[in-house]
């Protein structure tokens, strides 16, 4: 049986074969067993209190019944629930830490279209769960649940000031005000609509907003970080200094400079890592990135005396490495950036605010700041309809990769990896020019298809 938890929680078509109200109820009950214990939770019980969990969601319509099922599962297991409503994923993580809750649950499918949804679970402190804890929750699904009665069942209450707490946190984390900067915010018709515009305005920026009219069905629909062309046009139309794009749950940030040119997550990490180093705040002179980050990021950081440590794809793996070694920044090419002094997960608003603060601090345009890194052309081909199980150890694929790597030498990079959620192999090639990247990627994709066809 396939593992229930993927690279970022449980995700699928809401009310489809897997992600149902019954599953949400069961996962919540299992999470109560696994996460509703420990020193802090036990101390609450000893004081006559119950464990506490924060729940929240993005604005897609299926989140309404899924968050209700999660709250019911937790309360029926003796956990007090604080429902924060529609807020970003990083706001949920912050609130868990801010009130010292025992754990929390976010209902969101991030950048996926509206019919999808997901269940993301956070531990105490607002950190994502390691694989071993997710496996314990999955195992607990088939076991007897906690069934308290009377006054021992949990209560469900509204977390009335959740948004305000989060916005205050963002402003307090800001290293420099944004006065004089004009920003266009694309909120992806998602969870950021109620928080990011206010935070940027309070920080001093002139704010123009697009993609901030969620109706439950239009999240990520032609807007946000996965559809950045609208933001490019808006920045040019309004003559703004910068554009910031979130995804549906606002844990990502991509940017657009005043010329309408996209600034990737890798470039944002390069800018912020250099800023931290300049201000004496870059722990161990190290940036954490995933194996998908552009070769240009590695070259730029090397030129400035910054070490790059790589992890598997997934911001929770970046966070694990940050926590293990005490690093201050890490992230993904997709725009998940973790600034560990102020956040325990990728935070699109915090990243965008900090990026603009660096523009204000240095007096440089975003294009000037981003020029520190040369982006190597990168071609990604998703080879579908293949047997992922036969990928590891396939000699023909290994030989093909070795041949391409030898031809590229120091001018490029190759990465092949199975998808964590779909029956496909991702083939990524970086090279000095677009044509070379495309040619090599297609060559490797053909070998993968031939070797692993179902």
Protein backbone atom coordinates (compact mmCIF):
# COMPACT_ATOMS: atom_id res chain seq x y z
CA UNK A 1 0.00 0.00 0.00
CA UNK A 2 1.31 3.47 -0.91
CA UNK A 3 2.33 5.79 1.90
CA UNK A 4 -0.51 8.14 2.85
CA UNK A 5 1.72 11.15 3.55
CA UNK A 6 3.56 12.68 0.59
CA UNK A 7 6.24 15.34 0.49
CA UNK A 8 3.92 17.89 2.11
CA UNK A 9 1.20 16.12 4.08
CA UNK A 10 -1.79 14.25 2.71
CA UNK A 11 -2.96 15.63 -0.62
CA UNK A 12 -5.49 14.68 -3.28
CA UNK A 13 -8.83 15.39 -4.90
CA UNK A 14 -11.12 16.61 -2.12
CA UNK A 15 -14.00 14.18 -1.55
CA UNK A 16 -12.38 11.79 -4.02
CA UNK A 17 -11.14 8.29 -3.31
CA UNK A 18 -8.63 9.28 -0.61
CA UNK A 19 -9.15 12.76 0.81
CA UNK A 20 -12.60 12.42 2.38
CA UNK A 21 -14.25 13.73 5.52
CA UNK A 22 -13.84 10.27 7.03
CA UNK A 23 -10.10 10.33 6.38
CA UNK A 24 -9.77 13.86 7.81
CA UNK A 25 -11.61 12.74 10.93
CA UNK A 26 -9.41 9.66 11.27
CA UNK A 27 -6.15 11.51 10.68
CA UNK A 28 -7.12 14.06 13.33
CA UNK A 29 -7.94 11.30 15.81
CA UNK A 30 -4.63 9.58 15.04
CA UNK A 31 -2.72 12.86 15.37
CA UNK A 32 -4.33 13.38 18.78
CA UNK A 33 -2.91 10.04 19.91
CA UNK A 34 0.59 10.67 18.55
CA UNK A 35 0.96 14.42 19.18
CA UNK A 36 -1.43 14.97 22.09
CA UNK A 37 1.03 13.45 24.53
CA UNK A 38 4.41 14.48 25.87
CA UNK A 39 5.65 16.65 28.71
CA UNK A 40 3.68 19.81 27.88
CA UNK A 41 0.42 18.01 27.05
CA UNK A 42 0.74 15.79 30.12
CA UNK A 43 1.37 18.88 32.25
CA UNK A 44 -1.85 20.40 30.92
CA UNK A 45 -3.77 17.29 31.90
CA UNK A 46 -2.17 17.26 35.34
CA UNK A 47 -3.44 20.83 35.78
CA UNK A 48 -6.93 19.76 34.76
CA UNK A 49 -6.58 21.12 31.22
CA UNK A 50 -6.58 19.50 27.80
CA UNK A 51 -4.04 19.47 24.93
CA UNK A 52 -4.49 22.37 22.49
CA UNK A 53 -4.36 22.37 18.69
CA UNK A 54 -4.65 25.19 16.16
CA UNK A 55 -6.57 24.46 12.95
CA UNK A 56 -6.86 26.66 9.85
CA UNK A 57 -7.44 26.44 6.11
CA UNK A 58 -7.03 28.23 2.81
CA UNK A 59 -10.20 29.54 1.11
CA UNK A 60 -11.02 26.62 -1.21
CA UNK A 61 -14.59 25.40 -0.60
CA UNK A 62 -13.66 21.84 0.37
CA UNK A 63 -11.68 23.26 3.27
CA UNK A 64 -14.96 24.04 4.99
CA UNK A 65 -16.00 20.42 5.45
CA UNK A 66 -12.45 19.12 5.89
CA UNK A 67 -11.57 21.54 8.69
CA UNK A 68 -14.88 20.68 10.37
CA UNK A 69 -14.00 16.98 10.22
CA UNK A 70 -10.51 17.66 11.62
CA UNK A 71 -11.91 19.78 14.45
CA UNK A 72 -14.46 17.06 15.25
CA UNK A 73 -11.76 14.40 15.29
CA UNK A 74 -9.58 16.41 17.63
CA UNK A 75 -12.34 17.50 20.01
CA UNK A 76 -13.76 13.96 20.19
CA UNK A 77 -10.26 12.84 21.20
CA UNK A 78 -10.07 15.28 24.10
CA UNK A 79 -8.14 18.08 22.36
CA UNK A 80 -9.18 21.73 22.64
CA UNK A 81 -9.34 23.29 19.18
CA UNK A 82 -8.63 26.91 18.26
CA UNK A 83 -10.02 27.54 14.76
CA UNK A 84 -8.08 30.37 13.11
CA UNK A 85 -10.22 30.36 9.95
CA UNK A 86 -8.68 31.27 6.60
CA UNK A 87 -5.03 32.20 7.10
CA UNK A 88 -1.72 31.33 5.39
CA UNK A 89 0.11 28.13 6.24
CA UNK A 90 3.05 30.04 7.80
CA UNK A 91 0.57 31.97 9.94
CA UNK A 92 -0.73 28.65 11.28
CA UNK A 93 2.81 27.54 12.08
CA UNK A 94 3.51 30.86 13.81
CA UNK A 95 0.35 30.70 15.93
CA UNK A 96 1.13 27.17 17.11
CA UNK A 97 4.47 28.44 18.38
CA UNK A 98 3.14 31.77 19.64
CA UNK A 99 0.56 30.24 22.00
CA UNK A 100 2.62 27.12 22.77
CA UNK A 101 -0.05 24.80 21.32
CA UNK A 102 0.69 21.09 21.33
CA UNK A 103 0.30 20.81 17.54
CA UNK A 104 -1.77 22.12 14.64
CA UNK A 105 -3.41 21.23 11.34
CA UNK A 106 -3.58 23.27 8.13
CA UNK A 107 -6.07 22.33 5.41
CA UNK A 108 -4.55 23.37 2.09
CA UNK A 109 -3.32 22.04 -1.23
CA UNK A 110 -0.90 24.95 -1.62
CA UNK A 111 -0.40 25.75 -5.33
CA UNK A 112 -2.76 22.99 -6.58
CA UNK A 113 -6.07 23.85 -8.31
CA UNK A 114 -9.27 24.35 -6.32
CA UNK A 115 -10.65 20.77 -6.55
CA UNK A 116 -7.62 19.47 -4.65
CA UNK A 117 -6.93 19.84 -0.97
CA UNK A 118 -4.57 18.56 1.69
CA UNK A 119 -3.90 18.02 5.36
CA UNK A 120 -0.66 19.43 6.75
CA UNK A 121 0.20 18.66 10.36
CA UNK A 122 2.60 20.70 12.48
CA UNK A 123 4.27 19.68 15.73
CA UNK A 124 4.78 21.82 18.81
CA UNK A 125 6.72 24.92 17.87
CA UNK A 126 5.11 25.06 14.43
CA UNK A 127 7.51 22.66 12.72
CA UNK A 128 6.59 20.17 10.01
CA UNK A 129 6.64 16.52 10.99
CA UNK A 130 9.54 14.20 10.16
CA UNK A 131 8.71 11.07 8.17
CA UNK A 132 8.89 8.84 11.24
CA UNK A 133 6.17 10.81 13.05
CA UNK A 134 3.94 10.85 9.97
CA UNK A 135 4.37 7.08 9.80
CA UNK A 136 3.28 6.80 13.44
CA UNK A 137 0.13 8.82 12.69
CA UNK A 138 -0.62 6.65 9.66
CA UNK A 139 -0.14 3.50 11.76
CA UNK A 140 -2.49 4.90 14.43
CA UNK A 141 -5.30 5.21 11.87
CA UNK A 142 -6.07 1.53 12.27
CA UNK A 143 -5.96 1.44 16.05
CA UNK A 144 -8.52 2.26 18.77
CA UNK A 145 -9.09 5.99 19.21
CA UNK A 146 -9.24 8.08 22.36
CA UNK A 147 -12.89 8.42 23.31
CA UNK A 148 -13.23 10.65 26.39
CA UNK A 149 -16.68 11.53 27.64
CA UNK A 150 -18.34 14.26 29.68
CA UNK A 151 -16.12 17.16 30.55
CA UNK A 152 -13.05 15.48 29.08
CA UNK A 153 -14.02 16.03 25.44
CA UNK A 154 -12.38 18.95 23.70
CA UNK A 155 -13.90 22.36 23.02
CA UNK A 156 -13.87 24.16 19.65
CA UNK A 157 -13.39 27.91 19.80
CA UNK A 158 -12.61 30.66 17.31
CA UNK A 159 -9.01 31.94 17.32
CA UNK A 160 -10.30 35.50 17.00
CA UNK A 161 -7.04 37.45 16.86
CA UNK A 162 -4.98 34.99 14.81
CA UNK A 163 -4.59 37.26 11.76
CA UNK A 164 -3.64 40.26 13.89
CA UNK A 165 -1.02 38.30 15.83
CA UNK A 166 0.54 37.12 12.57
CA UNK A 167 0.63 40.58 10.97
CA UNK A 168 2.24 42.08 14.09
CA UNK A 169 4.82 39.28 13.96
CA UNK A 170 5.66 40.12 10.32
CA UNK A 171 6.13 43.79 11.06
CA UNK A 172 8.30 43.08 14.10
CA UNK A 173 10.51 40.77 12.02
CA UNK A 174 11.13 43.42 9.34
CA UNK A 175 14.78 44.61 9.26
CA UNK A 176 13.99 47.88 7.44
CA UNK A 177 10.86 49.85 6.56
CA UNK A 178 9.62 49.93 2.98
CA UNK A 179 8.77 53.62 2.64
CA UNK A 180 9.03 54.84 -0.95
CA UNK A 181 8.62 51.43 -2.59
CA UNK A 182 5.62 50.53 -4.76
CA UNK A 183 4.76 46.82 -4.75
CA UNK A 184 2.15 44.83 -6.66
CA UNK A 185 0.97 41.84 -4.61
CA UNK A 186 -0.57 38.77 -6.27
CA UNK A 187 -2.34 36.85 -3.51
CA UNK A 188 -3.38 33.93 -5.78
CA UNK A 189 -7.01 34.34 -4.65
CA UNK A 190 -5.78 32.45 -1.65
CA UNK A 191 -5.01 32.66 2.03
CA UNK A 192 -2.75 35.72 1.74
CA UNK A 193 -5.61 37.99 0.65
CA UNK A 194 -6.46 38.85 4.25
CA UNK A 195 -2.93 39.39 5.55
CA UNK A 196 -0.24 40.33 2.99
CA UNK A 197 -1.76 43.60 1.70
CA UNK A 198 -2.14 44.92 5.24
CA UNK A 199 1.35 43.82 6.28
CA UNK A 200 3.07 45.47 3.32
CA UNK A 201 1.06 48.66 3.79
CA UNK A 202 1.88 48.81 7.51
CA UNK A 203 5.54 48.34 6.59
CA UNK A 204 5.37 51.56 4.58
CA UNK A 205 5.02 50.37 0.99
CA UNK A 206 2.53 51.64 -1.57
CA UNK A 207 0.49 48.51 -2.35
CA UNK A 208 -1.42 47.50 -5.47
CA UNK A 209 -3.23 44.19 -5.10
CA UNK A 210 -4.33 41.59 -7.65
CA UNK A 211 -5.64 38.06 -7.08
CA UNK A 212 -7.22 38.98 -3.76
CA UNK A 213 -10.86 38.05 -4.33
CA UNK A 214 -11.13 34.41 -3.23
CA UNK A 215 -14.51 32.76 -3.79
CA UNK A 216 -13.56 29.20 -2.88
CA UNK A 217 -13.20 28.14 -6.50
CA UNK A 218 -10.68 30.55 -8.03
CA UNK A 219 -7.62 29.84 -5.88
CA UNK A 220 -4.47 29.63 -8.08
CA UNK A 221 -6.70 29.98 -11.16
CA UNK A 222 -4.51 31.95 -13.55
CA UNK A 223 -2.97 33.90 -10.67
CA UNK A 224 -0.25 33.51 -8.08
CA UNK A 225 3.28 32.15 -8.19
CA UNK A 226 2.41 29.41 -10.69
CA UNK A 227 0.90 31.93 -13.16
CA UNK A 228 3.24 34.87 -12.88
CA UNK A 229 2.51 36.56 -16.23
CA UNK A 230 -0.39 38.52 -14.71
CA UNK A 231 1.96 39.97 -12.12
CA UNK A 232 4.51 40.92 -14.78
CA UNK A 233 1.86 42.84 -16.69
CA UNK A 234 0.56 44.53 -13.54
CA UNK A 235 4.02 45.70 -12.47
CA UNK A 236 4.60 47.30 -15.87
CA UNK A 237 1.08 48.75 -16.03
CA UNK A 238 1.34 50.42 -12.62
CA UNK A 239 5.00 51.40 -12.90
CA UNK A 240 5.75 49.56 -9.67
CA UNK A 241 9.22 48.93 -8.25
CA UNK A 242 8.57 45.24 -7.61
CA UNK A 243 5.95 42.52 -7.74
CA UNK A 244 5.46 39.72 -5.21
CA UNK A 245 3.53 36.53 -5.98
CA UNK A 246 2.26 34.05 -3.42
CA UNK A 247 0.69 30.65 -3.94
CA UNK A 248 -2.66 29.55 -2.51
CA UNK A 249 -1.48 29.07 1.07
CA UNK A 250 1.18 31.82 0.90
CA UNK A 251 4.20 29.79 1.91
CA UNK A 252 5.90 30.73 -1.38
CA UNK A 253 7.27 33.97 -2.75
CA UNK A 254 8.41 34.69 -6.28
CA UNK A 255 9.17 38.19 -7.46
CA UNK A 256 9.13 40.41 -10.55
CA UNK A 257 11.45 43.36 -11.02
CA UNK A 258 10.44 46.79 -12.34
CA UNK A 259 11.13 45.62 -15.90
CA UNK A 260 8.68 42.74 -15.61
CA UNK A 261 11.41 40.11 -15.33
CA UNK A 262 10.83 37.15 -13.00
CA UNK A 263 13.15 36.72 -10.02
CA UNK A 264 13.24 33.07 -8.95
CA UNK A 265 13.35 31.53 -5.52
CA UNK A 266 17.04 30.79 -6.02
CA UNK A 267 17.77 34.44 -6.80
CA UNK A 268 15.75 35.54 -3.78
CA UNK A 269 17.77 33.17 -1.59
CA UNK A 270 21.01 34.55 -3.03
CA UNK A 271 19.94 38.14 -2.29
CA UNK A 272 18.82 37.37 1.26
CA UNK A 273 21.85 35.21 2.08
CA UNK A 274 24.16 38.03 0.99
CA UNK A 275 22.11 40.50 3.01
CA UNK A 276 22.38 38.33 6.11
CA UNK A 277 26.13 37.97 5.62
CA UNK A 278 26.54 41.72 5.15
CA UNK A 279 24.62 42.32 8.38
CA UNK A 280 26.56 39.65 10.30
CA UNK A 281 23.56 37.35 10.63
CA UNK A 282 24.38 34.47 8.25
CA UNK A 283 25.01 31.56 10.60
CA UNK A 284 28.14 29.61 9.66
CA UNK A 285 28.20 31.47 6.32
CA UNK A 286 25.89 28.79 4.95
CA UNK A 287 22.76 28.62 2.81
CA UNK A 288 20.63 25.45 2.65
CA UNK A 289 19.09 24.59 -0.74
CA UNK A 290 17.61 21.50 -2.37
CA UNK A 291 19.09 19.40 -5.15
CA UNK A 292 16.81 21.26 -7.61
CA UNK A 293 18.41 24.66 -7.00
CA UNK A 294 20.12 26.23 -9.99
CA UNK A 295 23.83 25.78 -10.56
CA UNK A 296 24.06 29.56 -10.78
CA UNK A 297 23.12 29.80 -7.11
CA UNK A 298 26.04 27.58 -6.14
CA UNK A 299 28.44 29.61 -8.29
CA UNK A 300 27.23 32.94 -6.89
CA UNK A 301 27.46 31.81 -3.29
CA UNK A 302 30.92 30.34 -3.83
CA UNK A 303 32.09 33.67 -5.26
CA UNK A 304 30.97 35.41 -2.06
CA UNK A 305 32.38 32.90 0.41
CA UNK A 306 29.06 31.28 1.25
CA UNK A 307 28.75 27.52 1.55
CA UNK A 308 25.69 25.78 0.06
CA UNK A 309 24.38 22.63 1.76
CA UNK A 310 21.88 20.61 -0.30
CA UNK A 311 18.94 18.45 0.80
CA UNK A 312 16.19 16.41 -0.81
CA UNK A 313 13.30 18.28 -2.41
CA UNK A 314 10.80 19.58 0.17
CA UNK A 315 11.00 22.55 2.51
CA UNK A 316 10.65 20.29 5.55
CA UNK A 317 13.98 18.65 4.63
CA UNK A 318 15.50 22.11 4.35
CA UNK A 319 14.11 22.94 7.78
CA UNK A 320 15.46 19.71 9.28
CA UNK A 321 18.96 20.62 8.09
CA UNK A 322 18.59 24.20 9.35
CA UNK A 323 17.55 22.94 12.78
CA UNK A 324 20.23 20.24 12.93
CA UNK A 325 23.08 22.65 12.23
CA UNK A 326 21.71 26.00 13.39
CA UNK A 327 21.68 27.66 9.97
CA UNK A 328 19.75 30.88 9.38
CA UNK A 329 18.37 30.56 5.82
CA UNK A 330 17.36 27.91 3.34
CA UNK A 331 14.75 27.21 0.74
CA UNK A 332 13.67 25.98 -2.65
CA UNK A 333 13.76 27.22 -6.21
CA UNK A 334 9.94 27.29 -6.15
CA UNK A 335 9.95 30.16 -3.66
CA UNK A 336 9.77 28.41 -0.28
CA UNK A 337 12.28 30.40 1.77
CA UNK A 338 12.84 29.74 5.47
CA UNK A 339 14.29 32.56 7.57
CA UNK A 340 14.83 30.63 10.76
CA UNK A 341 15.20 33.63 13.07
CA UNK A 342 11.54 34.43 12.48
CA UNK A 343 9.82 31.38 10.95
CA UNK A 344 9.66 27.60 11.10
CA UNK A 345 8.46 27.11 7.53
CA UNK A 346 8.45 28.86 4.19
CA UNK A 347 6.66 32.21 4.58
CA UNK A 348 5.81 34.10 1.39
CA UNK A 349 4.89 37.34 3.14
CA UNK A 350 7.98 37.36 5.37
CA UNK A 351 10.19 36.57 2.38
CA UNK A 352 8.65 39.32 0.27
CA UNK A 353 8.86 41.87 3.06
CA UNK A 354 12.49 41.00 3.73
CA UNK A 355 13.33 41.20 0.04
CA UNK A 356 11.83 44.69 -0.21
CA UNK A 357 13.58 45.68 3.00
CA UNK A 358 16.90 44.83 1.33
CA UNK A 359 15.95 47.05 -1.61
CA UNK A 360 15.18 49.87 0.81
CA UNK A 361 18.32 49.28 2.87
CA UNK A 362 20.69 49.28 -0.09
CA UNK A 363 18.85 51.71 -2.35
CA UNK A 364 19.23 49.18 -5.18
CA UNK A 365 16.56 47.97 -7.57
CA UNK A 366 15.53 44.34 -7.52
CA UNK A 367 17.20 43.85 -10.91
CA UNK A 368 20.49 45.11 -9.47
CA UNK A 369 20.23 42.83 -6.46
CA UNK A 370 19.27 39.80 -8.57
CA UNK A 371 22.23 40.31 -10.91
CA UNK A 372 24.48 38.75 -8.30
CA UNK A 373 23.39 35.38 -9.71
CA UNK A 374 23.51 34.15 -13.31
CA UNK A 375 20.66 31.72 -13.88
CA UNK A 376 21.77 28.67 -15.86
CA UNK A 377 19.20 27.48 -18.43
CA UNK A 378 17.31 24.57 -16.93
CA UNK A 379 15.08 22.04 -18.69
CA UNK A 380 12.70 19.85 -16.70
CA UNK A 381 10.85 16.94 -18.34
CA UNK A 382 8.32 14.88 -16.39
CA UNK A 383 8.37 11.38 -17.87
CA UNK A 384 4.95 9.93 -17.08
CA UNK A 385 3.52 6.45 -17.33
CA UNK A 386 6.65 4.73 -16.02
CA UNK A 387 7.37 2.28 -13.22
CA UNK A 388 9.17 4.28 -10.52
CA UNK A 389 10.03 1.10 -8.67
CA UNK A 390 12.45 0.01 -11.41
CA UNK A 391 14.32 3.32 -11.49
CA UNK A 392 16.84 2.67 -8.72
CA UNK A 393 19.73 0.56 -9.94
CA UNK A 394 18.85 0.73 -13.65
CA UNK A 395 22.24 0.48 -15.36
CA UNK A 396 21.19 1.85 -18.75
CA UNK A 397 19.83 5.02 -17.13
CA UNK A 398 22.92 5.36 -14.95
CA UNK A 399 25.18 5.01 -18.01
CA UNK A 400 23.18 7.61 -19.95
CA UNK A 401 23.42 10.07 -17.06
CA UNK A 402 27.16 9.50 -16.73
CA UNK A 403 27.62 10.16 -20.45
CA UNK A 404 25.72 13.45 -20.34
CA UNK A 405 27.57 14.55 -17.20
CA UNK A 406 30.88 13.85 -18.92
CA UNK A 407 29.85 15.93 -21.94
CA UNK A 408 28.65 18.83 -19.77
CA UNK A 409 31.71 18.85 -17.55
CA UNK A 410 31.72 21.97 -15.35
CA UNK A 411 29.19 23.76 -17.57
CA UNK A 412 26.06 21.97 -16.38
CA UNK A 413 24.34 19.51 -14.11
CA UNK A 414 21.99 16.51 -14.33
CA UNK A 415 19.35 15.34 -11.85
CA UNK A 416 16.93 12.44 -12.25
CA UNK A 417 14.52 11.58 -9.45
CA UNK A 418 11.20 9.77 -9.01
CA UNK A 419 8.20 11.96 -8.19
CA UNK A 420 7.03 11.58 -4.61
CA UNK A 421 3.36 11.78 -5.59
CA UNK A 422 2.88 10.59 -9.19
CA UNK A 423 4.04 7.67 -11.40
CA UNK A 424 6.73 9.63 -13.20
CA UNK A 425 10.44 10.40 -13.27
CA UNK A 426 11.62 14.00 -13.26
CA UNK A 427 14.53 14.66 -15.63
CA UNK A 428 16.34 17.95 -15.05
CA UNK A 429 19.35 19.23 -16.98
CA UNK A 430 21.18 22.53 -16.59
CA UNK A 431 23.56 23.75 -19.27
CA UNK A 432 25.23 26.89 -20.53
CA UNK A 433 22.49 27.49 -23.12
CA UNK A 434 18.83 26.59 -23.63
CA UNK A 435 19.35 24.33 -26.64
CA UNK A 436 21.91 22.18 -24.87
CA UNK A 437 19.70 21.84 -21.79
CA UNK A 438 16.70 20.80 -23.91
CA UNK A 439 18.71 18.39 -26.06
CA UNK A 440 20.32 16.58 -23.14
CA UNK A 441 17.05 16.43 -21.17
CA UNK A 442 15.18 14.94 -24.14
CA UNK A 443 17.95 12.40 -24.65
CA UNK A 444 17.75 11.23 -21.05
CA UNK A 445 13.93 11.24 -21.07
CA UNK A 446 13.95 8.87 -24.04
CA UNK A 447 16.19 6.45 -22.17
CA UNK A 448 13.89 6.60 -19.13
CA UNK A 449 10.82 5.89 -21.28
CA UNK A 450 12.51 2.98 -22.99
CA UNK A 451 13.74 1.42 -19.76
CA UNK A 452 10.78 2.01 -17.44
CA UNK A 453 7.71 1.97 -19.67
CA UNK A 454 4.77 0.31 -17.91
